[in-house]
Structures are given as C-alpha cells and as structure tokens.
Amino acid sequence: MNAEQLLKELEQIFRDNFDDDSIVLTRQTTSEDIEDWDSLEQINLLTAIGKKYGLRFQIRDISGLETVGDMVDLILRMLPEK
C-alpha cells in the first residue's frame, strides 16, 4: 500500500467517524480543519484505524502526530511489509 491509497482509506474512516461525507483529507489536514475533532475523537479515530489495519498504537507513537500526513507516515511504518 502506498501513501495515496492509505490517505483515501483514512478519508473513509474519518467520514464514518464524523458522520460527514464531505470530509476530504490531504497530508496537511489537521484537527483545526475538521469540526468536532478533539482528543476524544482522536482516540476514536485511532481505535478505528487500529482495528482496520491490525495495529496497536503506543502513546509515544501518537504523541507527535500533528497532521494527517504524520498519521499516514506512522501507519505505513507500522504496517507489515508484504
């Protein structure tokens, strides 16, 4: 999987979590860009992402996430290579 494919898949997860089909993600998207994206919603997003990709995030992994691009890079690093 490449970053572009992952970004599209994450977009659907965000749309589902926020119940908003108008969300369009870019690598530069931040919590400031999406209404209701707060710390609780961050946990919900990471839980949904973890379930989809079979990942377990550690605090040290997610503490530096500032943009969706940072999230994409982290997930790609954590995914097993195929």
PDB file of N, CA and C in Angstrom:
ATOM      1  N   MET A   1       0.844  -1.174   0.000  1.00  0.00           N
ATOM      2  CA  MET A   1       0.000   0.000   0.000  1.00  0.00           C
ATOM      3  C   MET A   1       0.893   1.242   0.000  1.00  0.00           C
ATOM      4  N   ASN A   2       0.487   2.229  -0.765  1.00  0.00           N
ATOM      5  CA  ASN A   2       1.257   3.467  -0.777  1.00  0.00           C
ATOM      6  C   ASN A   2       0.497   4.558  -0.023  1.00  0.00           C
ATOM      7  N   ALA A   3       1.140   5.704   0.131  1.00  0.00           N
ATOM      8  CA  ALA A   3       0.572   6.791   0.926  1.00  0.00           C
ATOM      9  C   ALA A   3      -0.743   7.302   0.343  1.00  0.00           C
ATOM     10  N   GLU A   4      -0.839   7.382  -0.959  1.00  0.00           N
ATOM     11  CA  GLU A   4      -2.061   7.886  -1.597  1.00  0.00           C
ATOM     12  C   GLU A   4      -3.247   6.953  -1.345  1.00  0.00           C
ATOM     13  N   GLN A   5      -3.013   5.650  -1.456  1.00  0.00           N
ATOM     14  CA  GLN A   5      -4.076   4.677  -1.191  1.00  0.00           C
ATOM     15  C   GLN A   5      -4.517   4.752   0.266  1.00  0.00           C
ATOM     16  N   LEU A   6      -3.545   4.830   1.157  1.00  0.00           N
ATOM     17  CA  LEU A   6      -3.845   4.898   2.582  1.00  0.00           C
ATOM     18  C   LEU A   6      -4.636   6.166   2.908  1.00  0.00           C
ATOM     19  N   LEU A   7      -4.255   7.274   2.307  1.00  0.00           N
ATOM     20  CA  LEU A   7      -4.964   8.529   2.548  1.00  0.00           C
ATOM     21  C   LEU A   7      -6.434   8.400   2.146  1.00  0.00           C
ATOM     22  N   LYS A   8      -6.715   7.755   1.036  1.00  0.00           N
ATOM     23  CA  LYS A   8      -8.094   7.547   0.591  1.00  0.00           C
ATOM     24  C   LYS A   8      -8.858   6.647   1.577  1.00  0.00           C
ATOM     25  N   GLU A   9      -8.205   5.601   2.070  1.00  0.00           N
ATOM     26  CA  GLU A   9      -8.851   4.720   3.034  1.00  0.00           C
ATOM     27  C   GLU A   9      -9.109   5.447   4.353  1.00  0.00           C
ATOM     28  N   LEU A  10      -8.150   6.267   4.775  1.00  0.00           N
ATOM     29  CA  LEU A  10      -8.331   7.040   6.002  1.00  0.00           C
ATOM     30  C   LEU A  10      -9.468   8.041   5.845  1.00  0.00           C
ATOM     31  N   GLU A  11      -9.596   8.592   4.664  1.00  0.00           N
ATOM     32  CA  GLU A  11     -10.684   9.535   4.405  1.00  0.00           C
ATOM     33  C   GLU A  11     -12.042   8.895   4.698  1.00  0.00           C
ATOM     34  N   GLN A  12     -12.194   7.644   4.308  1.00  0.00           N
ATOM     35  CA  GLN A  12     -13.455   6.952   4.577  1.00  0.00           C
ATOM     36  C   GLN A  12     -13.649   6.712   6.070  1.00  0.00           C
ATOM     37  N   ILE A  13     -12.582   6.381   6.775  1.00  0.00           N
ATOM     38  CA  ILE A  13     -12.666   6.200   8.228  1.00  0.00           C
ATOM     39  C   ILE A  13     -13.069   7.515   8.895  1.00  0.00           C
ATOM     40  N   PHE A  14     -12.463   8.618   8.472  1.00  0.00           N
ATOM     41  CA  PHE A  14     -12.822   9.923   9.022  1.00  0.00           C
ATOM     42  C   PHE A  14     -14.285  10.236   8.733  1.00  0.00           C
ATOM     43  N   ARG A  15     -14.728   9.985   7.503  1.00  0.00           N
ATOM     44  CA  ARG A  15     -16.120  10.260   7.142  1.00  0.00           C
ATOM     45  C   ARG A  15     -17.079   9.454   8.002  1.00  0.00           C
ATOM     46  N   ASP A  16     -16.749   8.188   8.231  1.00  0.00           N
ATOM     47  CA  ASP A  16     -17.591   7.333   9.070  1.00  0.00           C
ATOM     48  C   ASP A  16     -17.604   7.824  10.516  1.00  0.00           C
ATOM     49  N   ASN A  17     -16.426   8.128  11.065  1.00  0.00           N
ATOM     50  CA  ASN A  17     -16.331   8.544  12.465  1.00  0.00           C
ATOM     51  C   ASN A  17     -17.025   9.872  12.732  1.00  0.00           C
ATOM     52  N   PHE A  18     -16.907  10.791  11.794  1.00  0.00           N
ATOM     53  CA  PHE A  18     -17.506  12.113  11.981  1.00  0.00           C
ATOM     54  C   PHE A  18     -18.891  12.206  11.351  1.00  0.00           C
ATOM     55  N   ASP A  19     -19.331  11.116  10.718  1.00  0.00           N
ATOM     56  CA  ASP A  19     -20.625  11.092  10.040  1.00  0.00           C
ATOM     57  C   ASP A  19     -20.756  12.291   9.099  1.00  0.00           C
ATOM     58  N   ASP A  20     -19.720  12.471   8.264  1.00  0.00           N
ATOM     59  CA  ASP A  20     -19.649  13.622   7.363  1.00  0.00           C
ATOM     60  C   ASP A  20     -18.989  13.188   6.053  1.00  0.00           C
ATOM     61  N   ASP A  21     -19.816  12.975   5.039  1.00  0.00           N
ATOM     62  CA  ASP A  21     -19.304  12.521   3.742  1.00  0.00           C
ATOM     63  C   ASP A  21     -18.594  13.613   2.954  1.00  0.00           C
ATOM     64  N   SER A  22     -18.575  14.830   3.465  1.00  0.00           N
ATOM     65  CA  SER A  22     -17.916  15.917   2.744  1.00  0.00           C
ATOM     66  C   SER A  22     -16.436  16.059   3.112  1.00  0.00           C
ATOM     67  N   ILE A  23     -15.959  15.292   4.079  1.00  0.00           N
ATOM     68  CA  ILE A  23     -14.559  15.393   4.501  1.00  0.00           C
ATOM     69  C   ILE A  23     -13.639  14.930   3.369  1.00  0.00           C
ATOM     70  N   VAL A  24     -12.667  15.779   3.063  1.00  0.00           N
ATOM     71  CA  VAL A  24     -11.626  15.449   2.092  1.00  0.00           C
ATOM     72  C   VAL A  24     -10.294  15.667   2.794  1.00  0.00           C
ATOM     73  N   LEU A  25      -9.508  14.603   2.902  1.00  0.00           N
ATOM     74  CA  LEU A  25      -8.227  14.688   3.596  1.00  0.00           C
ATOM     75  C   LEU A  25      -7.091  14.983   2.644  1.00  0.00           C
ATOM     76  N   THR A  26      -6.130  15.751   3.149  1.00  0.00           N
ATOM     77  CA  THR A  26      -4.843  15.921   2.490  1.00  0.00           C
ATOM     78  C   THR A  26      -3.781  15.620   3.536  1.00  0.00           C
ATOM     79  N   ARG A  27      -2.553  15.550   3.133  1.00  0.00           N
ATOM     80  CA  ARG A  27      -1.474  15.317   4.094  1.00  0.00           C
ATOM     81  C   ARG A  27      -1.372  16.472   5.093  1.00  0.00           C
ATOM     82  N   GLN A  28      -1.858  17.642   4.722  1.00  0.00           N
ATOM     83  CA  GLN A  28      -1.748  18.819   5.579  1.00  0.00           C
ATOM     84  C   GLN A  28      -2.949  18.995   6.514  1.00  0.00           C
ATOM     85  N   THR A  29      -3.976  18.167   6.392  1.00  0.00           N
ATOM     86  CA  THR A  29      -5.164  18.292   7.238  1.00  0.00           C
ATOM     87  C   THR A  29      -4.789  18.136   8.709  1.00  0.00           C
ATOM     88  N   THR A  30      -5.341  19.032   9.542  1.00  0.00           N
ATOM     89  CA  THR A  30      -5.124  18.961  10.992  1.00  0.00           C
ATOM     90  C   THR A  30      -6.478  18.951  11.701  1.00  0.00           C
ATOM     91  N   SER A  31      -6.441  18.802  12.996  1.00  0.00           N
ATOM     92  CA  SER A  31      -7.680  18.809  13.777  1.00  0.00           C
ATOM     93  C   SER A  31      -8.391  20.161  13.688  1.00  0.00           C
ATOM     94  N   GLU A  32      -7.661  21.209  13.368  1.00  0.00           N
ATOM     95  CA  GLU A  32      -8.266  22.531  13.201  1.00  0.00           C
ATOM     96  C   GLU A  32      -9.167  22.588  11.971  1.00  0.00           C
ATOM     97  N   ASP A  33      -8.941  21.689  11.029  1.00  0.00           N
ATOM     98  CA  ASP A  33      -9.684  21.706   9.763  1.00  0.00           C
ATOM     99  C   ASP A  33     -11.005  20.955   9.817  1.00  0.00           C
ATOM    100  N   ILE A  34     -11.196  20.134  10.847  1.00  0.00           N
ATOM    101  CA  ILE A  34     -12.407  19.300  10.927  1.00  0.00           C
ATOM    102  C   ILE A  34     -13.121  19.591  12.235  1.00  0.00           C
ATOM    103  N   GLU A  35     -14.344  20.086  12.083  1.00  0.00           N
ATOM    104  CA  GLU A  35     -15.154  20.400  13.261  1.00  0.00           C
ATOM    105  C   GLU A  35     -15.351  19.135  14.099  1.00  0.00           C
ATOM    106  N   ASP A  36     -15.302  19.272  15.388  1.00  0.00           N
ATOM    107  CA  ASP A  36     -15.507  18.186  16.349  1.00  0.00           C
ATOM    108  C   ASP A  36     -14.312  17.241  16.493  1.00  0.00           C
ATOM    109  N   TRP A  37     -13.193  17.518  15.834  1.00  0.00           N
ATOM    110  CA  TRP A  37     -12.017  16.662  16.005  1.00  0.00           C
ATOM    111  C   TRP A  37     -11.290  17.126  17.265  1.00  0.00           C
ATOM    112  N   ASP A  38     -11.610  16.463  18.363  1.00  0.00           N
ATOM    113  CA  ASP A  38     -10.988  16.773  19.640  1.00  0.00           C
ATOM    114  C   ASP A  38     -10.229  15.550  20.137  1.00  0.00           C
ATOM    115  N   SER A  39      -9.775  15.585  21.368  1.00  0.00           N
ATOM    116  CA  SER A  39      -8.957  14.479  21.883  1.00  0.00           C
ATOM    117  C   SER A  39      -9.744  13.178  21.964  1.00  0.00           C
ATOM    118  N   LEU A  40     -11.016  13.249  22.312  1.00  0.00           N
ATOM    119  CA  LEU A  40     -11.832  12.037  22.353  1.00  0.00           C
ATOM    120  C   LEU A  40     -12.013  11.458  20.951  1.00  0.00           C
ATOM    121  N   GLU A  41     -12.253  12.329  19.998  1.00  0.00           N
ATOM    122  CA  GLU A  41     -12.416  11.851  18.625  1.00  0.00           C
ATOM    123  C   GLU A  41     -11.106  11.292  18.087  1.00  0.00           C
ATOM    124  N   GLN A  42      -9.980  11.828  18.531  1.00  0.00           N
ATOM    125  CA  GLN A  42      -8.673  11.295  18.136  1.00  0.00           C
ATOM    126  C   GLN A  42      -8.551   9.835  18.583  1.00  0.00           C
ATOM    127  N   ILE A  43      -8.997   9.548  19.791  1.00  0.00           N
ATOM    128  CA  ILE A  43      -8.967   8.176  20.300  1.00  0.00           C
ATOM    129  C   ILE A  43      -9.871   7.284  19.462  1.00  0.00           C
ATOM    130  N   ASN A  44     -11.065   7.774  19.145  1.00  0.00           N
ATOM    131  CA  ASN A  44     -11.988   7.000  18.302  1.00  0.00           C
ATOM    132  C   ASN A  44     -11.387   6.717  16.928  1.00  0.00           C
ATOM    133  N   LEU A  45     -10.746   7.716  16.351  1.00  0.00           N
ATOM    134  CA  LEU A  45     -10.105   7.529  15.038  1.00  0.00           C
ATOM    135  C   LEU A  45      -8.997   6.484  15.117  1.00  0.00           C
ATOM    136  N   LEU A  46      -8.139   6.617  16.105  1.00  0.00           N
ATOM    137  CA  LEU A  46      -7.017   5.685  16.232  1.00  0.00           C
ATOM    138  C   LEU A  46      -7.501   4.268  16.519  1.00  0.00           C
ATOM    139  N   THR A  47      -8.588   4.143  17.261  1.00  0.00           N
ATOM    140  CA  THR A  47      -9.167   2.825  17.513  1.00  0.00           C
ATOM    141  C   THR A  47      -9.685   2.213  16.218  1.00  0.00           C
ATOM    142  N   ALA A  48     -10.402   3.001  15.434  1.00  0.00           N
ATOM    143  CA  ALA A  48     -10.935   2.513  14.155  1.00  0.00           C
ATOM    144  C   ALA A  48      -9.808   2.151  13.188  1.00  0.00           C
ATOM    145  N   ILE A  49      -8.772   2.977  13.155  1.00  0.00           N
ATOM    146  CA  ILE A  49      -7.626   2.709  12.274  1.00  0.00           C
ATOM    147  C   ILE A  49      -6.904   1.446  12.736  1.00  0.00           C
ATOM    148  N   GLY A  50      -6.715   1.328  14.043  1.00  0.00           N
ATOM    149  CA  GLY A  50      -6.063   0.141  14.587  1.00  0.00           C
ATOM    150  C   GLY A  50      -6.806  -1.134  14.236  1.00  0.00           C
ATOM    151  N   LYS A  51      -8.133  -1.102  14.343  1.00  0.00           N
ATOM    152  CA  LYS A  51      -8.943  -2.277  14.005  1.00  0.00           C
ATOM    153  C   LYS A  51      -8.825  -2.622  12.527  1.00  0.00           C
ATOM    154  N   LYS A  52      -8.898  -1.608  11.675  1.00  0.00           N
ATOM    155  CA  LYS A  52      -8.858  -1.855  10.234  1.00  0.00           C
ATOM    156  C   LYS A  52      -7.536  -2.481   9.801  1.00  0.00           C
ATOM    157  N   TYR A  53      -6.437  -2.001  10.361  1.00  0.00           N
ATOM    158  CA  TYR A  53      -5.119  -2.446   9.908  1.00  0.00           C
ATOM    159  C   TYR A  53      -4.411  -3.393  10.876  1.00  0.00           C
ATOM    160  N   GLY A  54      -5.077  -3.758  11.970  1.00  0.00           N
ATOM    161  CA  GLY A  54      -4.470  -4.672  12.928  1.00  0.00           C
ATOM    162  C   GLY A  54      -3.274  -4.074  13.648  1.00  0.00           C
ATOM    163  N   LEU A  55      -3.379  -2.786  13.984  1.00  0.00           N
ATOM    164  CA  LEU A  55      -2.262  -2.085  14.628  1.00  0.00           C
ATOM    165  C   LEU A  55      -2.619  -1.730  16.063  1.00  0.00           C
ATOM    166  N   ARG A  56      -1.583  -1.635  16.885  1.00  0.00           N
ATOM    167  CA  ARG A  56      -1.746  -1.157  18.268  1.00  0.00           C
ATOM    168  C   ARG A  56      -0.817   0.032  18.432  1.00  0.00           C
ATOM    169  N   PHE A  57      -1.411   1.184  18.656  1.00  0.00           N
ATOM    170  CA  PHE A  57      -0.628   2.406  18.801  1.00  0.00           C
ATOM    171  C   PHE A  57      -0.172   2.583  20.243  1.00  0.00           C
ATOM    172  N   GLN A  58       1.049   3.062  20.392  1.00  0.00           N
ATOM    173  CA  GLN A  58       1.595   3.404  21.701  1.00  0.00           C
ATOM    174  C   GLN A  58       1.552   4.920  21.848  1.00  0.00           C
ATOM    175  N   ILE A  59       1.519   5.390  23.077  1.00  0.00           N
ATOM    176  CA  ILE A  59       1.481   6.831  23.330  1.00  0.00           C
ATOM    177  C   ILE A  59       2.643   7.524  22.622  1.00  0.00           C
ATOM    178  N   ARG A  60       3.821   6.946  22.685  1.00  0.00           N
ATOM    179  CA  ARG A  60       4.985   7.578  22.062  1.00  0.00           C
ATOM    180  C   ARG A  60       4.818   7.677  20.545  1.00  0.00           C
ATOM    181  N   ASP A  61       4.043   6.759  19.962  1.00  0.00           N
ATOM    182  CA  ASP A  61       3.808   6.788  18.517  1.00  0.00           C
ATOM    183  C   ASP A  61       2.903   7.950  18.124  1.00  0.00           C
ATOM    184  N   ILE A  62       1.878   8.178  18.922  1.00  0.00           N
ATOM    185  CA  ILE A  62       0.846   9.130  18.513  1.00  0.00           C
ATOM    186  C   ILE A  62       1.025  10.530  19.090  1.00  0.00           C
ATOM    187  N   SER A  63       1.907  10.684  20.049  1.00  0.00           N
ATOM    188  CA  SER A  63       2.039  11.983  20.720  1.00  0.00           C
ATOM    189  C   SER A  63       2.531  13.080  19.780  1.00  0.00           C
ATOM    190  N   GLY A  64       3.272  12.739  18.757  1.00  0.00           N
ATOM    191  CA  GLY A  64       3.807  13.753  17.849  1.00  0.00           C
ATOM    192  C   GLY A  64       2.984  13.976  16.595  1.00  0.00           C
ATOM    193  N   LEU A  65       1.821  13.341  16.500  1.00  0.00           N
ATOM    194  CA  LEU A  65       1.008  13.483  15.294  1.00  0.00           C
ATOM    195  C   LEU A  65       0.389  14.876  15.236  1.00  0.00           C
ATOM    196  N   GLU A  66       0.705  15.613  14.182  1.00  0.00           N
ATOM    197  CA  GLU A  66       0.138  16.950  14.020  1.00  0.00           C
ATOM    198  C   GLU A  66      -0.741  17.052  12.782  1.00  0.00           C
ATOM    199  N   THR A  67      -0.450  16.249  11.772  1.00  0.00           N
ATOM    200  CA  THR A  67      -1.221  16.297  10.529  1.00  0.00           C
ATOM    201  C   THR A  67      -1.634  14.888  10.122  1.00  0.00           C
ATOM    202  N   VAL A  68      -2.555  14.824   9.189  1.00  0.00           N
ATOM    203  CA  VAL A  68      -2.943  13.520   8.643  1.00  0.00           C
ATOM    204  C   VAL A  68      -1.731  12.879   7.957  1.00  0.00           C
ATOM    205  N   GLY A  69      -0.871  13.688   7.356  1.00  0.00           N
ATOM    206  CA  GLY A  69       0.349  13.160   6.738  1.00  0.00           C
ATOM    207  C   GLY A  69       1.228  12.447   7.750  1.00  0.00           C
ATOM    208  N   ASP A  70       1.333  13.005   8.959  1.00  0.00           N
ATOM    209  CA  ASP A  70       2.096  12.336  10.027  1.00  0.00           C
ATOM    210  C   ASP A  70       1.459  10.987  10.357  1.00  0.00           C
ATOM    211  N   MET A  71       0.134  10.953  10.360  1.00  0.00           N
ATOM    212  CA  MET A  71      -0.599   9.714  10.645  1.00  0.00           C
ATOM    213  C   MET A  71      -0.349   8.681   9.545  1.00  0.00           C
ATOM    214  N   VAL A  72      -0.389   9.126   8.302  1.00  0.00           N
ATOM    215  CA  VAL A  72      -0.129   8.233   7.167  1.00  0.00           C
ATOM    216  C   VAL A  72       1.264   7.632   7.281  1.00  0.00           C
ATOM    217  N   ASP A  73       2.256   8.480   7.549  1.00  0.00           N
ATOM    218  CA  ASP A  73       3.639   8.004   7.660  1.00  0.00           C
ATOM    219  C   ASP A  73       3.790   6.984   8.788  1.00  0.00           C
ATOM    220  N   LEU A  74       3.156   7.255   9.929  1.00  0.00           N
ATOM    221  CA  LEU A  74       3.220   6.333  11.062  1.00  0.00           C
ATOM    222  C   LEU A  74       2.603   4.988  10.700  1.00  0.00           C
ATOM    223  N   ILE A  75       1.426   5.011  10.101  1.00  0.00           N
ATOM    224  CA  ILE A  75       0.748   3.762   9.751  1.00  0.00           C
ATOM    225  C   ILE A  75       1.576   2.968   8.756  1.00  0.00           C
ATOM    226  N   LEU A  76       2.127   3.638   7.754  1.00  0.00           N
ATOM    227  CA  LEU A  76       2.950   2.936   6.752  1.00  0.00           C
ATOM    228  C   LEU A  76       4.175   2.294   7.407  1.00  0.00           C
ATOM    229  N   ARG A  77       4.766   2.974   8.387  1.00  0.00           N
ATOM    230  CA  ARG A  77       5.920   2.390   9.107  1.00  0.00           C
ATOM    231  C   ARG A  77       5.512   1.174   9.909  1.00  0.00           C
ATOM    232  N   MET A  78       4.285   1.183  10.447  1.00  0.00           N
ATOM    233  CA  MET A  78       3.841   0.110  11.318  1.00  0.00           C
ATOM    234  C   MET A  78       3.276  -1.096  10.579  1.00  0.00           C
ATOM    235  N   LEU A  79       2.808  -0.881   9.358  1.00  0.00           N
ATOM    236  CA  LEU A  79       2.216  -1.990   8.601  1.00  0.00           C
ATOM    237  C   LEU A  79       3.286  -3.025   8.256  1.00  0.00           C
ATOM    238  N   PRO A  80       2.934  -4.290   8.371  1.00  0.00           N
ATOM    239  CA  PRO A  80       3.899  -5.320   7.970  1.00  0.00           C
ATOM    240  C   PRO A  80       4.125  -5.248   6.462  1.00  0.00           C
ATOM    241  N   GLU A  81       5.362  -5.434   6.060  1.00  0.00           N
ATOM    242  CA  GLU A  81       5.677  -5.406   4.629  1.00  0.00           C
ATOM    243  C   GLU A  81       5.166  -6.675   3.961  1.00  0.00           C
ATOM    244  N   LYS A  82       4.641  -6.499   2.765  1.00  0.00           N
ATOM    245  CA  LYS A  82       4.127  -7.657   2.030  1.00  0.00           C
ATOM    246  C   LYS A  82       4.877  -7.844   0.752  1.00  0.00           C
TER     247      LYS A  82
END
